């Protein structure tokens, strides 16, 4: 049914970055090509998307992945793109001059989840710097809320460079080099 555009429901889990940057441009095309399909979109990330796919809560997930997939993954996975992340701070943040993850490791981080799992894209950010995941983490599941918290506090995050370049974010946040 879905392939023919004749009806049905498609439940998609998407990374917040995809929702914020690419989804607005493709959703109209999808609706034009498949007008009878009810599209349900939700934010998703690893490793949680794996169980949602297995139990049928989602039909498809486009999510960020770390260097390793979740243990026991029996799903078909394909790399669609690499997304560069930068440590993000508000303008005039005390750590705005930092040059490495090591320099900001002890700050309070705002992340979608604790980066303790090697399948989490954030895990590699710290592991590649020879660091354990940060101990001071505020978990925040939505990208707009993360941006708002970082823009109005001394907390920091790691956000996709694409997201930092969006005009409504570039006026409030800077990405550290």
C-alpha atoms as a PDB file:
ATOM      1  CA  UNK A   1       0.000   0.000   0.000  1.00  0.00           C
ATOM      2  CA  UNK A   2       2.674   2.497   1.007  1.00  0.00           C
ATOM      3  CA  UNK A   3       4.719   1.936  -2.137  1.00  0.00           C
ATOM      4  CA  UNK A   4       1.679   2.536  -4.297  1.00  0.00           C
ATOM      5  CA  UNK A   5       0.668   5.600  -2.270  1.00  0.00           C
ATOM      6  CA  UNK A   6      -2.719   4.000  -1.760  1.00  0.00           C
ATOM      7  CA  UNK A   7      -2.911   4.439   1.974  1.00  0.00           C
ATOM      8  CA  UNK A   8      -1.610   3.149   5.210  1.00  0.00           C
ATOM      9  CA  UNK A   9       0.495   4.673   7.911  1.00  0.00           C
ATOM     10  CA  UNK A  10       4.243   5.271   7.974  1.00  0.00           C
ATOM     11  CA  UNK A  11       5.789   5.890  11.390  1.00  0.00           C
ATOM     12  CA  UNK A  12       9.248   7.411  11.139  1.00  0.00           C
ATOM     13  CA  UNK A  13      11.723   8.189  13.892  1.00  0.00           C
ATOM     14  CA  UNK A  14      14.142  10.955  12.947  1.00  0.00           C
ATOM     15  CA  UNK A  15      17.134  12.531  14.579  1.00  0.00           C
ATOM     16  CA  UNK A  16      16.395  16.095  15.728  1.00  0.00           C
ATOM     17  CA  UNK A  17      19.056  17.374  13.316  1.00  0.00           C
ATOM     18  CA  UNK A  18      17.223  15.814  10.383  1.00  0.00           C
ATOM     19  CA  UNK A  19      13.909  17.244  11.599  1.00  0.00           C
ATOM     20  CA  UNK A  20      15.395  20.730  11.963  1.00  0.00           C
ATOM     21  CA  UNK A  21      17.366  20.897   8.714  1.00  0.00           C
ATOM     22  CA  UNK A  22      16.177  18.498   6.002  1.00  0.00           C
ATOM     23  CA  UNK A  23      12.635  17.368   6.812  1.00  0.00           C
ATOM     24  CA  UNK A  24      10.932  20.680   5.965  1.00  0.00           C
ATOM     25  CA  UNK A  25      12.264  20.444   2.393  1.00  0.00           C
ATOM     26  CA  UNK A  26      11.192  16.856   1.731  1.00  0.00           C
ATOM     27  CA  UNK A  27       7.891  16.467   3.547  1.00  0.00           C
ATOM     28  CA  UNK A  28       5.886  18.288   0.844  1.00  0.00           C
ATOM     29  CA  UNK A  29       7.401  16.039  -1.845  1.00  0.00           C
ATOM     30  CA  UNK A  30       6.448  12.966   0.175  1.00  0.00           C
ATOM     31  CA  UNK A  31       2.868  14.209   0.550  1.00  0.00           C
ATOM     32  CA  UNK A  32       2.621  14.934  -3.191  1.00  0.00           C
ATOM     33  CA  UNK A  33       3.901  11.465  -4.122  1.00  0.00           C
ATOM     34  CA  UNK A  34       1.990   9.534  -1.454  1.00  0.00           C
ATOM     35  CA  UNK A  35      -1.113  11.562  -0.542  1.00  0.00           C
ATOM     36  CA  UNK A  36      -2.952   8.586   0.928  1.00  0.00           C
ATOM     37  CA  UNK A  37      -0.235   7.700   3.416  1.00  0.00           C
ATOM     38  CA  UNK A  38      -0.635   9.009   6.957  1.00  0.00           C
ATOM     39  CA  UNK A  39       2.827  10.120   8.045  1.00  0.00           C
ATOM     40  CA  UNK A  40       3.681  10.106  11.760  1.00  0.00           C
ATOM     41  CA  UNK A  41       7.040  11.646  12.719  1.00  0.00           C
ATOM     42  CA  UNK A  42       8.746  11.423  16.094  1.00  0.00           C
ATOM     43  CA  UNK A  43      12.186  12.264  17.411  1.00  0.00           C
ATOM     44  CA  UNK A  44      14.421   9.236  17.766  1.00  0.00           C
ATOM     45  CA  UNK A  45      17.970   8.299  18.687  1.00  0.00           C
ATOM     46  CA  UNK A  46      20.062   5.226  19.347  1.00  0.00           C
ATOM     47  CA  UNK A  47      19.864   2.925  21.135  1.00  0.00           C
ATOM     48  CA  UNK A  48      16.142   3.565  21.816  1.00  0.00           C
ATOM     49  CA  UNK A  49      15.130   3.454  18.153  1.00  0.00           C
ATOM     50  CA  UNK A  50      16.195  -0.207  17.929  1.00  0.00           C
ATOM     51  CA  UNK A  51      13.517  -1.378  20.379  1.00  0.00           C
ATOM     52  CA  UNK A  52      10.902   0.890  18.731  1.00  0.00           C
ATOM     53  CA  UNK A  53      11.652  -0.703  15.363  1.00  0.00           C
ATOM     54  CA  UNK A  54      11.529  -4.212  16.808  1.00  0.00           C
ATOM     55  CA  UNK A  55       8.187  -3.718  18.561  1.00  0.00           C
ATOM     56  CA  UNK A  56       6.594  -1.922  15.597  1.00  0.00           C
ATOM     57  CA  UNK A  57       6.320   1.502  17.233  1.00  0.00           C
ATOM     58  CA  UNK A  58       8.349   2.806  14.257  1.00  0.00           C
ATOM     59  CA  UNK A  59       8.597   1.554  10.696  1.00  0.00           C
ATOM     60  CA  UNK A  60      11.800   3.408   9.827  1.00  0.00           C
ATOM     61  CA  UNK A  61      14.430   5.338  11.762  1.00  0.00           C
ATOM     62  CA  UNK A  62      16.954   7.861  10.466  1.00  0.00           C
ATOM     63  CA  UNK A  63      19.208   8.452  13.464  1.00  0.00           C
ATOM     64  CA  UNK A  64      22.750   9.348  14.344  1.00  0.00           C
ATOM     65  CA  UNK A  65      25.020   6.446  15.147  1.00  0.00           C
ATOM     66  CA  UNK A  66      28.334   6.201  16.885  1.00  0.00           C
ATOM     67  CA  UNK A  67      31.256   4.182  15.656  1.00  0.00           C
ATOM     68  CA  UNK A  68      29.476   1.043  16.865  1.00  0.00           C
ATOM     69  CA  UNK A  69      25.882  -0.001  16.436  1.00  0.00           C
ATOM     70  CA  UNK A  70      23.864  -1.055  19.428  1.00  0.00           C
ATOM     71  CA  UNK A  71      24.812  -4.538  20.669  1.00  0.00           C
ATOM     72  CA  UNK A  72      22.778  -7.316  19.135  1.00  0.00           C
ATOM     73  CA  UNK A  73      21.556  -5.124  16.302  1.00  0.00           C
ATOM     74  CA  UNK A  74      19.730  -7.289  13.796  1.00  0.00           C
ATOM     75  CA  UNK A  75      18.553  -4.343  11.709  1.00  0.00           C
ATOM     76  CA  UNK A  76      19.607  -3.343   8.229  1.00  0.00           C
ATOM     77  CA  UNK A  77      21.675  -0.178   8.640  1.00  0.00           C
ATOM     78  CA  UNK A  78      23.054   2.184   6.032  1.00  0.00           C
ATOM     79  CA  UNK A  79      25.239   5.253   6.403  1.00  0.00           C
ATOM     80  CA  UNK A  80      23.390   8.171   4.792  1.00  0.00           C
ATOM     81  CA  UNK A  81      25.652  11.024   5.828  1.00  0.00           C
ATOM     82  CA  UNK A  82      28.339  12.100   8.253  1.00  0.00           C
ATOM     83  CA  UNK A  83      27.357  15.020  10.428  1.00  0.00           C
ATOM     84  CA  UNK A  84      30.136  17.105  11.957  1.00  0.00           C
ATOM     85  CA  UNK A  85      29.495  18.223  15.522  1.00  0.00           C
ATOM     86  CA  UNK A  86      30.965  21.151  17.384  1.00  0.00           C
ATOM     87  CA  UNK A  87      30.991  21.966  21.052  1.00  0.00           C
ATOM     88  CA  UNK A  88      28.398  24.731  21.371  1.00  0.00           C
ATOM     89  CA  UNK A  89      28.296  27.555  23.897  1.00  0.00           C
ATOM     90  CA  UNK A  90      26.390  30.813  24.165  1.00  0.00           C
ATOM     91  CA  UNK A  91      27.964  34.028  22.951  1.00  0.00           C
ATOM     92  CA  UNK A  92      30.245  35.475  25.676  1.00  0.00           C
ATOM     93  CA  UNK A  93      30.419  32.119  27.486  1.00  0.00           C
ATOM     94  CA  UNK A  94      33.419  31.850  29.885  1.00  0.00           C
ATOM     95  CA  UNK A  95      34.664  28.816  27.891  1.00  0.00           C
ATOM     96  CA  UNK A  96      34.243  30.439  24.464  1.00  0.00           C
ATOM     97  CA  UNK A  97      38.016  30.409  23.938  1.00  0.00           C
ATOM     98  CA  UNK A  98      38.402  26.683  24.605  1.00  0.00           C
ATOM     99  CA  UNK A  99      40.180  24.710  21.891  1.00  0.00           C
ATOM    100  CA  UNK A 100      39.513  21.071  22.778  1.00  0.00           C
ATOM    101  CA  UNK A 101      36.946  18.761  24.331  1.00  0.00           C
ATOM    102  CA  UNK A 102      39.425  18.264  27.166  1.00  0.00           C
ATOM    103  CA  UNK A 103      39.200  22.013  27.951  1.00  0.00           C
ATOM    104  CA  UNK A 104      35.414  21.827  28.445  1.00  0.00           C
ATOM    105  CA  UNK A 105      34.996  18.266  29.731  1.00  0.00           C
ATOM    106  CA  UNK A 106      34.186  19.321  33.322  1.00  0.00           C
ATOM    107  CA  UNK A 107      31.393  21.723  32.281  1.00  0.00           C
ATOM    108  CA  UNK A 108      27.718  20.831  32.651  1.00  0.00           C
ATOM    109  CA  UNK A 109      26.654  19.263  29.348  1.00  0.00           C
ATOM    110  CA  UNK A 110      23.147  19.287  27.870  1.00  0.00           C
ATOM    111  CA  UNK A 111      22.741  16.121  25.783  1.00  0.00           C
ATOM    112  CA  UNK A 112      19.865  13.999  24.540  1.00  0.00           C
ATOM    113  CA  UNK A 113      21.053  11.182  26.789  1.00  0.00           C
ATOM    114  CA  UNK A 114      24.078  10.150  28.804  1.00  0.00           C
ATOM    115  CA  UNK A 115      26.793   9.180  26.286  1.00  0.00           C
ATOM    116  CA  UNK A 116      27.703   5.919  28.020  1.00  0.00           C
ATOM    117  CA  UNK A 117      26.792   3.621  25.114  1.00  0.00           C
ATOM    118  CA  UNK A 118      29.271   3.164  22.218  1.00  0.00           C
ATOM    119  CA  UNK A 119      26.303   3.319  19.782  1.00  0.00           C
ATOM    120  CA  UNK A 120      25.623   6.912  20.884  1.00  0.00           C
ATOM    121  CA  UNK A 121      27.285   9.416  18.515  1.00  0.00           C
ATOM    122  CA  UNK A 122      28.412  11.493  21.498  1.00  0.00           C
ATOM    123  CA  UNK A 123      30.359   8.594  22.987  1.00  0.00           C
ATOM    124  CA  UNK A 124      33.055   8.930  20.294  1.00  0.00           C
ATOM    125  CA  UNK A 125      33.474  12.664  20.950  1.00  0.00           C
ATOM    126  CA  UNK A 126      34.848  11.895  24.387  1.00  0.00           C
ATOM    127  CA  UNK A 127      36.522   8.549  23.620  1.00  0.00           C
ATOM    128  CA  UNK A 128      38.468  10.094  20.717  1.00  0.00           C
ATOM    129  CA  UNK A 129      39.804  12.706  23.133  1.00  0.00           C
ATOM    130  CA  UNK A 130      40.868   9.961  25.569  1.00  0.00           C
ATOM    131  CA  UNK A 131      38.152  10.979  28.030  1.00  0.00           C
ATOM    132  CA  UNK A 132      35.391   9.185  29.856  1.00  0.00           C
ATOM    133  CA  UNK A 133      31.899  10.543  29.222  1.00  0.00           C
ATOM    134  CA  UNK A 134      31.222  13.651  31.308  1.00  0.00           C
ATOM    135  CA  UNK A 135      29.736  13.137  34.745  1.00  0.00           C
ATOM    136  CA  UNK A 136      27.712  16.357  34.765  1.00  0.00           C
ATOM    137  CA  UNK A 137      24.973  15.809  32.166  1.00  0.00           C
ATOM    138  CA  UNK A 138      21.487  17.261  31.919  1.00  0.00           C
ATOM    139  CA  UNK A 139      19.415  14.992  29.688  1.00  0.00           C
ATOM    140  CA  UNK A 140      17.165  16.869  27.294  1.00  0.00           C
ATOM    141  CA  UNK A 141      15.427  14.917  24.524  1.00  0.00           C
ATOM    142  CA  UNK A 142      14.573  17.775  22.150  1.00  0.00           C
ATOM    143  CA  UNK A 143      16.899  19.898  20.044  1.00  0.00           C
ATOM    144  CA  UNK A 144      15.005  23.206  20.459  1.00  0.00           C
ATOM    145  CA  UNK A 145      15.085  22.830  24.240  1.00  0.00           C
ATOM    146  CA  UNK A 146      18.813  21.985  24.179  1.00  0.00           C
ATOM    147  CA  UNK A 147      19.557  25.080  22.088  1.00  0.00           C
ATOM    148  CA  UNK A 148      17.480  27.252  24.412  1.00  0.00           C
ATOM    149  CA  UNK A 149      19.222  25.938  27.547  1.00  0.00           C
ATOM    150  CA  UNK A 150      22.713  26.407  26.095  1.00  0.00           C
ATOM    151  CA  UNK A 151      21.865  29.873  24.723  1.00  0.00           C
ATOM    152  CA  UNK A 152      20.683  31.110  28.120  1.00  0.00           C
ATOM    153  CA  UNK A 153      23.125  29.475  30.538  1.00  0.00           C
ATOM    154  CA  UNK A 154      26.714  28.398  31.078  1.00  0.00           C
ATOM    155  CA  UNK A 155      25.852  24.804  30.153  1.00  0.00           C
ATOM    156  CA  UNK A 156      27.338  23.466  26.928  1.00  0.00           C
ATOM    157  CA  UNK A 157      26.467  20.880  24.321  1.00  0.00           C
ATOM    158  CA  UNK A 158      27.789  19.318  21.149  1.00  0.00           C
ATOM    159  CA  UNK A 159      25.560  20.177  18.220  1.00  0.00           C
ATOM    160  CA  UNK A 160      25.729  19.528  14.500  1.00  0.00           C
ATOM    161  CA  UNK A 161      27.493  22.310  12.612  1.00  0.00           C
ATOM    162  CA  UNK A 162      24.429  22.426  10.314  1.00  0.00           C
ATOM    163  CA  UNK A 163      22.228  23.338  13.259  1.00  0.00           C
ATOM    164  CA  UNK A 164      24.648  25.981  14.529  1.00  0.00           C
ATOM    165  CA  UNK A 165      24.573  27.699  11.116  1.00  0.00           C
ATOM    166  CA  UNK A 166      20.786  28.135  11.080  1.00  0.00           C
ATOM    167  CA  UNK A 167      20.078  31.876  11.508  1.00  0.00           C
ATOM    168  CA  UNK A 168      17.904  31.465  14.615  1.00  0.00           C
ATOM    169  CA  UNK A 169      20.761  29.555  16.291  1.00  0.00           C
ATOM    170  CA  UNK A 170      23.796  31.423  14.916  1.00  0.00           C
ATOM    171  CA  UNK A 171      22.609  34.601  16.607  1.00  0.00           C
ATOM    172  CA  UNK A 172      22.678  32.861  20.014  1.00  0.00           C
ATOM    173  CA  UNK A 173      25.363  30.145  19.878  1.00  0.00           C
ATOM    174  CA  UNK A 174      28.916  29.655  18.727  1.00  0.00           C
ATOM    175  CA  UNK A 175      30.669  26.435  17.826  1.00  0.00           C
ATOM    176  CA  UNK A 176      34.149  25.970  19.260  1.00  0.00           C
ATOM    177  CA  UNK A 177      36.913  25.078  16.833  1.00  0.00           C
END
